[in-house]
């Protein structure tokens, strides 16, 4: 089964560990991207505000899959 993040649901513990690691790595990457977009938003770039909002939603969904 594939979760909304695109990461397959694991059927064994090693697979679950790998999936959790991938999910955490993706969250970290998205958090960095969110931070950059939020900074741009704060400088007045409205498109960056929308992108920061989208990324925030994606991070929230990934955290719910934990």
PDB file of N, CA and C in Angstrom:
ATOM      1  N   UNK A   1       0.839  -1.171   0.000  1.00  0.00           N
ATOM      2  CA  UNK A   1       0.000   0.000   0.000  1.00  0.00           C
ATOM      3  C   UNK A   1       0.889   1.241   0.000  1.00  0.00           C
ATOM      4  N   UNK A   2       0.523   2.251  -0.788  1.00  0.00           N
ATOM      5  CA  UNK A   2       1.296   3.482  -0.865  1.00  0.00           C
ATOM      6  C   UNK A   2       0.541   4.580  -0.131  1.00  0.00           C
ATOM      7  N   UNK A   3       1.233   5.266   0.778  1.00  0.00           N
ATOM      8  CA  UNK A   3       0.640   6.342   1.548  1.00  0.00           C
ATOM      9  C   UNK A   3       0.581   7.607   0.707  1.00  0.00           C
ATOM     10  N   UNK A   4      -0.136   8.623   1.167  1.00  0.00           N
ATOM     11  CA  UNK A   4      -0.291   9.858   0.402  1.00  0.00           C
ATOM     12  C   UNK A   4       1.047  10.535   0.119  1.00  0.00           C
ATOM     13  N   UNK A   5       2.054  10.273   0.920  1.00  0.00           N
ATOM     14  CA  UNK A   5       3.378  10.855   0.705  1.00  0.00           C
ATOM     15  C   UNK A   5       4.122  10.173  -0.438  1.00  0.00           C
ATOM     16  N   UNK A   6       3.564   9.078  -0.939  1.00  0.00           N
ATOM     17  CA  UNK A   6       4.239   8.326  -1.983  1.00  0.00           C
ATOM     18  C   UNK A   6       5.173   7.271  -1.431  1.00  0.00           C
ATOM     19  N   UNK A   7       5.248   7.145  -0.125  1.00  0.00           N
ATOM     20  CA  UNK A   7       6.101   6.154   0.520  1.00  0.00           C
ATOM     21  C   UNK A   7       5.262   4.909   0.772  1.00  0.00           C
ATOM     22  N   UNK A   8       5.772   3.765   0.360  1.00  0.00           N
ATOM     23  CA  UNK A   8       5.033   2.514   0.506  1.00  0.00           C
ATOM     24  C   UNK A   8       4.918   2.119   1.976  1.00  0.00           C
ATOM     25  N   UNK A   9       3.759   1.580   2.322  1.00  0.00           N
ATOM     26  CA  UNK A   9       3.561   1.077   3.677  1.00  0.00           C
ATOM     27  C   UNK A   9       4.404  -0.181   3.840  1.00  0.00           C
ATOM     28  N   UNK A  10       5.076  -0.297   4.956  1.00  0.00           N
ATOM     29  CA  UNK A  10       6.011  -1.394   5.186  1.00  0.00           C
ATOM     30  C   UNK A  10       5.296  -2.636   5.691  1.00  0.00           C
ATOM     31  N   UNK A  11       5.841  -3.799   5.304  1.00  0.00           N
ATOM     32  CA  UNK A  11       5.270  -5.060   5.769  1.00  0.00           C
ATOM     33  C   UNK A  11       6.183  -5.764   6.773  1.00  0.00           C
ATOM     34  N   UNK A  12       7.406  -5.262   6.969  1.00  0.00           N
ATOM     35  CA  UNK A  12       8.307  -5.829   7.968  1.00  0.00           C
ATOM     36  C   UNK A  12       8.976  -4.686   8.734  1.00  0.00           C
ATOM     37  N   UNK A  13       9.581  -5.013   9.851  1.00  0.00           N
ATOM     38  CA  UNK A  13      10.202  -3.971  10.675  1.00  0.00           C
ATOM     39  C   UNK A  13      11.324  -3.243   9.955  1.00  0.00           C
ATOM     40  N   UNK A  14      12.245  -3.935   9.270  1.00  0.00           N
ATOM     41  CA  UNK A  14      13.287  -3.195   8.542  1.00  0.00           C
ATOM     42  C   UNK A  14      12.691  -2.268   7.478  1.00  0.00           C
ATOM     43  N   UNK A  15      11.639  -2.729   6.806  1.00  0.00           N
ATOM     44  CA  UNK A  15      10.980  -1.882   5.817  1.00  0.00           C
ATOM     45  C   UNK A  15      10.314  -0.700   6.496  1.00  0.00           C
ATOM     46  N   UNK A  16       9.722  -0.924   7.647  1.00  0.00           N
ATOM     47  CA  UNK A  16       9.079   0.156   8.405  1.00  0.00           C
ATOM     48  C   UNK A  16      10.125   1.180   8.839  1.00  0.00           C
ATOM     49  N   UNK A  17      11.282   0.701   9.258  1.00  0.00           N
ATOM     50  CA  UNK A  17      12.360   1.604   9.664  1.00  0.00           C
ATOM     51  C   UNK A  17      12.829   2.452   8.485  1.00  0.00           C
ATOM     52  N   UNK A  18      12.986   1.821   7.326  1.00  0.00           N
ATOM     53  CA  UNK A  18      13.402   2.566   6.130  1.00  0.00           C
ATOM     54  C   UNK A  18      12.351   3.585   5.731  1.00  0.00           C
ATOM     55  N   UNK A  19      11.086   3.199   5.788  1.00  0.00           N
ATOM     56  CA  UNK A  19      10.002   4.111   5.434  1.00  0.00           C
ATOM     57  C   UNK A  19       9.971   5.296   6.399  1.00  0.00           C
ATOM     58  N   UNK A  20      10.174   5.033   7.685  1.00  0.00           N
ATOM     59  CA  UNK A  20      10.189   6.109   8.684  1.00  0.00           C
ATOM     60  C   UNK A  20      11.366   7.041   8.435  1.00  0.00           C
ATOM     61  N   UNK A  21      12.512   6.465   8.109  1.00  0.00           N
ATOM     62  CA  UNK A  21      13.698   7.279   7.825  1.00  0.00           C
ATOM     63  C   UNK A  21      13.454   8.163   6.611  1.00  0.00           C
ATOM     64  N   UNK A  22      12.887   7.587   5.545  1.00  0.00           N
ATOM     65  CA  UNK A  22      12.593   8.356   4.337  1.00  0.00           C
ATOM     66  C   UNK A  22      11.598   9.474   4.634  1.00  0.00           C
ATOM     67  N   UNK A  23      10.588   9.170   5.411  1.00  0.00           N
ATOM     68  CA  UNK A  23       9.571  10.161   5.760  1.00  0.00           C
ATOM     69  C   UNK A  23      10.207  11.302   6.556  1.00  0.00           C
ATOM     70  N   UNK A  24      11.048  10.973   7.538  1.00  0.00           N
ATOM     71  CA  UNK A  24      11.703  12.003   8.348  1.00  0.00           C
ATOM     72  C   UNK A  24      12.651  12.849   7.499  1.00  0.00           C
ATOM     73  N   UNK A  25      13.354  12.217   6.572  1.00  0.00           N
ATOM     74  CA  UNK A  25      14.253  12.955   5.685  1.00  0.00           C
ATOM     75  C   UNK A  25      13.454  13.898   4.785  1.00  0.00           C
ATOM     76  N   UNK A  26      12.317  13.437   4.297  1.00  0.00           N
ATOM     77  CA  UNK A  26      11.467  14.277   3.462  1.00  0.00           C
ATOM     78  C   UNK A  26      10.908  15.449   4.264  1.00  0.00           C
ATOM     79  N   UNK A  27      10.491  15.190   5.497  1.00  0.00           N
ATOM     80  CA  UNK A  27       9.990  16.268   6.355  1.00  0.00           C
ATOM     81  C   UNK A  27      11.081  17.314   6.577  1.00  0.00           C
ATOM     82  N   UNK A  28      12.300  16.875   6.852  1.00  0.00           N
ATOM     83  CA  UNK A  28      13.409  17.804   7.077  1.00  0.00           C
ATOM     84  C   UNK A  28      13.661  18.654   5.831  1.00  0.00           C
ATOM     85  N   UNK A  29      13.623  18.023   4.667  1.00  0.00           N
ATOM     86  CA  UNK A  29      13.827  18.746   3.416  1.00  0.00           C
ATOM     87  C   UNK A  29      12.720  19.779   3.206  1.00  0.00           C
ATOM     88  N   UNK A  30      11.490  19.375   3.461  1.00  0.00           N
ATOM     89  CA  UNK A  30      10.362  20.292   3.302  1.00  0.00           C
ATOM     90  C   UNK A  30      10.415  21.434   4.308  1.00  0.00           C
ATOM     91  N   UNK A  31      10.874  21.156   5.527  1.00  0.00           N
ATOM     92  CA  UNK A  31      10.999  22.216   6.531  1.00  0.00           C
ATOM     93  C   UNK A  31      12.011  23.267   6.093  1.00  0.00           C
ATOM     94  N   UNK A  32      13.112  22.831   5.475  1.00  0.00           N
ATOM     95  CA  UNK A  32      14.102  23.796   4.965  1.00  0.00           C
ATOM     96  C   UNK A  32      13.504  24.630   3.835  1.00  0.00           C
ATOM     97  N   UNK A  33      12.781  23.964   2.943  1.00  0.00           N
ATOM     98  CA  UNK A  33      12.148  24.667   1.832  1.00  0.00           C
ATOM     99  C   UNK A  33      11.087  25.639   2.353  1.00  0.00           C
ATOM    100  N   UNK A  34      10.320  25.201   3.355  1.00  0.00           N
ATOM    101  CA  UNK A  34       9.302  26.053   3.960  1.00  0.00           C
ATOM    102  C   UNK A  34       9.947  27.312   4.541  1.00  0.00           C
ATOM    103  N   UNK A  35      11.050  27.148   5.238  1.00  0.00           N
ATOM    104  CA  UNK A  35      11.740  28.273   5.852  1.00  0.00           C
ATOM    105  C   UNK A  35      12.171  29.293   4.801  1.00  0.00           C
ATOM    106  N   UNK A  36      12.721  28.812   3.689  1.00  0.00           N
ATOM    107  CA  UNK A  36      13.138  29.716   2.611  1.00  0.00           C
ATOM    108  C   UNK A  36      11.942  30.454   2.017  1.00  0.00           C
ATOM    109  N   UNK A  37      10.856  29.724   1.805  1.00  0.00           N
ATOM    110  CA  UNK A  37       9.667  30.339   1.226  1.00  0.00           C
ATOM    111  C   UNK A  37       9.053  31.353   2.192  1.00  0.00           C
ATOM    112  N   UNK A  38       9.051  31.047   3.471  1.00  0.00           N
ATOM    113  CA  UNK A  38       8.501  31.960   4.464  1.00  0.00           C
ATOM    114  C   UNK A  38       9.321  33.248   4.524  1.00  0.00           C
ATOM    115  N   UNK A  39      10.634  33.124   4.422  1.00  0.00           N
ATOM    116  CA  UNK A  39      11.487  34.318   4.393  1.00  0.00           C
ATOM    117  C   UNK A  39      11.145  35.186   3.181  1.00  0.00           C
ATOM    118  N   UNK A  40      10.966  34.546   2.030  1.00  0.00           N
ATOM    119  CA  UNK A  40      10.602  35.285   0.820  1.00  0.00           C
ATOM    120  C   UNK A  40       9.225  35.925   0.975  1.00  0.00           C
ATOM    121  N   UNK A  41       8.322  35.209   1.592  1.00  0.00           N
ATOM    122  CA  UNK A  41       6.984  35.736   1.858  1.00  0.00           C
ATOM    123  C   UNK A  41       7.074  36.987   2.727  1.00  0.00           C
ATOM    124  N   UNK A  42       7.891  36.923   3.757  1.00  0.00           N
ATOM    125  CA  UNK A  42       8.059  38.059   4.660  1.00  0.00           C
ATOM    126  C   UNK A  42       8.685  39.268   3.967  1.00  0.00           C
ATOM    127  N   UNK A  43       9.369  39.017   2.850  1.00  0.00           N
ATOM    128  CA  UNK A  43       9.939  40.111   2.050  1.00  0.00           C
ATOM    129  C   UNK A  43       8.931  40.643   1.037  1.00  0.00           C
ATOM    130  N   UNK A  44       7.728  40.068   1.030  1.00  0.00           N
ATOM    131  CA  UNK A  44       6.675  40.586   0.164  1.00  0.00           C
ATOM    132  C   UNK A  44       6.405  39.789  -1.102  1.00  0.00           C
ATOM    133  N   UNK A  45       7.020  38.643  -1.254  1.00  0.00           N
ATOM    134  CA  UNK A  45       6.791  37.819  -2.446  1.00  0.00           C
ATOM    135  C   UNK A  45       5.548  36.954  -2.215  1.00  0.00           C
ATOM    136  N   UNK A  46       4.439  37.375  -2.791  1.00  0.00           N
ATOM    137  CA  UNK A  46       3.163  36.712  -2.503  1.00  0.00           C
ATOM    138  C   UNK A  46       3.122  35.262  -2.981  1.00  0.00           C
ATOM    139  N   UNK A  47       3.787  34.953  -4.078  1.00  0.00           N
ATOM    140  CA  UNK A  47       3.800  33.565  -4.554  1.00  0.00           C
ATOM    141  C   UNK A  47       4.493  32.655  -3.532  1.00  0.00           C
ATOM    142  N   UNK A  48       5.495  33.185  -2.867  1.00  0.00           N
ATOM    143  CA  UNK A  48       6.210  32.409  -1.846  1.00  0.00           C
ATOM    144  C   UNK A  48       5.298  32.121  -0.657  1.00  0.00           C
ATOM    145  N   UNK A  49       4.373  33.033  -0.371  1.00  0.00           N
ATOM    146  CA  UNK A  49       3.425  32.812   0.730  1.00  0.00           C
ATOM    147  C   UNK A  49       2.539  31.607   0.428  1.00  0.00           C
ATOM    148  N   UNK A  50       2.050  31.546  -0.803  1.00  0.00           N
ATOM    149  CA  UNK A  50       1.208  30.423  -1.207  1.00  0.00           C
ATOM    150  C   UNK A  50       1.993  29.119  -1.174  1.00  0.00           C
ATOM    151  N   UNK A  51       3.226  29.159  -1.626  1.00  0.00           N
ATOM    152  CA  UNK A  51       4.069  27.959  -1.627  1.00  0.00           C
ATOM    153  C   UNK A  51       4.380  27.519  -0.196  1.00  0.00           C
ATOM    154  N   UNK A  52       4.656  28.468   0.687  1.00  0.00           N
ATOM    155  CA  UNK A  52       4.912  28.131   2.091  1.00  0.00           C
ATOM    156  C   UNK A  52       3.681  27.470   2.697  1.00  0.00           C
ATOM    157  N   UNK A  53       2.526  27.969   2.374  1.00  0.00           N
ATOM    158  CA  UNK A  53       1.282  27.388   2.880  1.00  0.00           C
ATOM    159  C   UNK A  53       1.094  25.959   2.370  1.00  0.00           C
ATOM    160  N   UNK A  54       1.380  25.736   1.098  1.00  0.00           N
ATOM    161  CA  UNK A  54       1.259  24.395   0.510  1.00  0.00           C
ATOM    162  C   UNK A  54       2.218  23.425   1.182  1.00  0.00           C
ATOM    163  N   UNK A  55       3.457  23.874   1.370  1.00  0.00           N
ATOM    164  CA  UNK A  55       4.475  23.031   1.994  1.00  0.00           C
ATOM    165  C   UNK A  55       4.086  22.704   3.430  1.00  0.00           C
ATOM    166  N   UNK A  56       3.560  23.678   4.141  1.00  0.00           N
ATOM    167  CA  UNK A  56       3.122  23.458   5.517  1.00  0.00           C
ATOM    168  C   UNK A  56       2.063  22.355   5.584  1.00  0.00           C
ATOM    169  N   UNK A  57       1.132  22.371   4.645  1.00  0.00           N
ATOM    170  CA  UNK A  57       0.109  21.327   4.598  1.00  0.00           C
ATOM    171  C   UNK A  57       0.701  19.958   4.322  1.00  0.00           C
ATOM    172  N   UNK A  58       1.678  19.920   3.434  1.00  0.00           N
ATOM    173  CA  UNK A  58       2.341  18.650   3.116  1.00  0.00           C
ATOM    174  C   UNK A  58       3.073  18.098   4.334  1.00  0.00           C
ATOM    175  N   UNK A  59       3.756  18.966   5.068  1.00  0.00           N
ATOM    176  CA  UNK A  59       4.461  18.547   6.284  1.00  0.00           C
ATOM    177  C   UNK A  59       3.463  18.005   7.301  1.00  0.00           C
ATOM    178  N   UNK A  60       2.349  18.687   7.458  1.00  0.00           N
ATOM    179  CA  UNK A  60       1.320  18.248   8.402  1.00  0.00           C
ATOM    180  C   UNK A  60       0.827  16.852   8.057  1.00  0.00           C
ATOM    181  N   UNK A  61       0.565  16.605   6.777  1.00  0.00           N
ATOM    182  CA  UNK A  61       0.107  15.274   6.352  1.00  0.00           C
ATOM    183  C   UNK A  61       1.156  14.202   6.634  1.00  0.00           C
ATOM    184  N   UNK A  62       2.398  14.501   6.350  1.00  0.00           N
ATOM    185  CA  UNK A  62       3.469  13.530   6.596  1.00  0.00           C
ATOM    186  C   UNK A  62       3.601  13.213   8.081  1.00  0.00           C
ATOM    187  N   UNK A  63       3.431  14.214   8.911  1.00  0.00           N
ATOM    188  CA  UNK A  63       3.540  13.979  10.357  1.00  0.00           C
ATOM    189  C   UNK A  63       2.389  13.132  10.862  1.00  0.00           C
ATOM    190  N   UNK A  64       1.222  13.230  10.244  1.00  0.00           N
ATOM    191  CA  UNK A  64       0.077  12.414  10.650  1.00  0.00           C
ATOM    192  C   UNK A  64       0.277  10.947  10.292  1.00  0.00           C
ATOM    193  N   UNK A  65       1.119  10.669   9.299  1.00  0.00           N
ATOM    194  CA  UNK A  65       1.369   9.288   8.865  1.00  0.00           C
ATOM    195  C   UNK A  65       2.317   8.555   9.793  1.00  0.00           C
ATOM    196  N   UNK A  66       2.918   9.240  10.734  1.00  0.00           N
ATOM    197  CA  UNK A  66       3.882   8.605  11.651  1.00  0.00           C
ATOM    198  C   UNK A  66       3.255   7.486  12.411  1.00  0.00           C
TER     199      UNK A  66
END
